C-alpha atoms as a PDB file:
ATOM      1  CA  THR A   1       1.545  -8.092  10.553  1.00  0.00           C
ATOM      2  CA  PRO A   2       0.051  -9.974   7.576  1.00  0.00           C
ATOM      3  CA  ASN A   3      -3.415  -8.834   8.677  1.00  0.00           C
ATOM      4  CA  ASN A   4      -2.332  -5.189   8.501  1.00  0.00           C
ATOM      5  CA  THR A   5      -1.064  -5.472   4.973  1.00  0.00           C
ATOM      6  CA  ALA A   6      -4.095  -7.358   3.602  1.00  0.00           C
ATOM      7  CA  LYS A   7      -5.815  -4.030   2.802  1.00  0.00           C
ATOM      8  CA  LEU A   8      -2.643  -2.725   1.163  1.00  0.00           C
ATOM      9  CA  ARG A   9      -2.369  -5.864  -0.982  1.00  0.00           C
ATOM     10  CA  ALA A  10      -6.059  -5.563  -1.903  1.00  0.00           C
ATOM     11  CA  TRP A  11      -5.549  -1.945  -3.014  1.00  0.00           C
ATOM     12  CA  LEU A  12      -2.504  -2.952  -5.025  1.00  0.00           C
ATOM     13  CA  THR A  13      -4.396  -5.791  -6.715  1.00  0.00           C
ATOM     14  CA  ASP A  14      -7.205  -3.394  -7.666  1.00  0.00           C
ATOM     15  CA  HIS A  15      -4.759  -0.837  -9.108  1.00  0.00           C
ATOM     16  CA  MET A  16      -2.201  -2.998 -10.913  1.00  0.00           C
ATOM     17  CA  ASP A  17      -2.418  -0.715 -13.962  1.00  0.00           C
ATOM     18  CA  HIS A  18      -1.211   2.256 -11.856  1.00  0.00           C
ATOM     19  CA  PRO A  19       0.143   1.059  -8.488  1.00  0.00           C
ATOM     20  CA  TYR A  20       0.731   4.567  -7.130  1.00  0.00           C
ATOM     21  CA  PRO A  21      -1.754   5.589  -4.417  1.00  0.00           C
ATOM     22  CA  THR A  22      -2.532   9.290  -4.052  1.00  0.00           C
ATOM     23  CA  LYS A  23      -1.762  11.046  -0.778  1.00  0.00           C
ATOM     24  CA  GLY A  24      -5.449  10.663   0.084  1.00  0.00           C
ATOM     25  CA  ASP A  25      -5.324   6.934  -0.640  1.00  0.00           C
ATOM     26  CA  LYS A  26      -2.231   6.575   1.537  1.00  0.00           C
ATOM     27  CA  ILE A  27      -3.840   8.472   4.426  1.00  0.00           C
ATOM     28  CA  MET A  28      -6.972   6.294   4.206  1.00  0.00           C
ATOM     29  CA  LEU A  29      -4.876   3.103   4.064  1.00  0.00           C
ATOM     30  CA  ALA A  30      -2.645   4.255   6.921  1.00  0.00           C
ATOM     31  CA  VAL A  31      -5.692   4.780   9.139  1.00  0.00           C
ATOM     32  CA  LEU A  32      -7.261   1.455   8.099  1.00  0.00           C
ATOM     33  CA  CYS A  33      -4.026  -0.468   8.667  1.00  0.00           C
ATOM     34  CA  LYS A  34      -2.986   1.443  11.804  1.00  0.00           C
ATOM     35  CA  MET A  35       0.285   2.393  10.129  1.00  0.00           C
ATOM     36  CA  THR A  36       2.055   5.698   9.588  1.00  0.00           C
ATOM     37  CA  LEU A  37       2.029   7.460   6.229  1.00  0.00           C
ATOM     38  CA  THR A  38       5.752   6.711   5.924  1.00  0.00           C
ATOM     39  CA  GLN A  39       5.167   2.996   6.559  1.00  0.00           C
ATOM     40  CA  VAL A  40       2.456   2.878   3.889  1.00  0.00           C
ATOM     41  CA  SER A  41       4.637   4.727   1.365  1.00  0.00           C
ATOM     42  CA  THR A  42       7.557   2.407   2.082  1.00  0.00           C
ATOM     43  CA  TRP A  43       5.336  -0.665   1.788  1.00  0.00           C
ATOM     44  CA  PHE A  44       4.139   0.443  -1.660  1.00  0.00           C
ATOM     45  CA  ALA A  45       7.682   1.212  -2.827  1.00  0.00           C
ATOM     46  CA  ASN A  46       8.806  -2.251  -1.721  1.00  0.00           C
ATOM     47  CA  ALA A  47       5.711  -3.902  -3.208  1.00  0.00           C
ATOM     48  CA  ARG A  48       6.360  -2.278  -6.598  1.00  0.00           C
ATOM     49  CA  ARG A  49       9.953  -3.492  -6.403  1.00  0.00           C
ATOM     50  CA  ARG A  50       8.745  -7.020  -5.603  1.00  0.00           C
ATOM     51  CA  MET A  51       6.294  -6.906  -8.536  1.00  0.00           C
ATOM     52  CA  LYS A  52       9.163  -6.341 -11.008  1.00  0.00           C
ATOM     53  CA  LYS A  53      10.791  -9.649 -10.135  1.00  0.00           C
END
């Protein structure tokens, strides 16, 4: 849901210079967004791909 990913987008915006969250960051974001670690990792991979366009 868009609400779920708002925190992920906020993290990404704050870390544009290095958009690679640590494992700890991913765990924290997964808990906050009620997502799995895999979902968070996939979201970031896709987000980085979208940023290139």
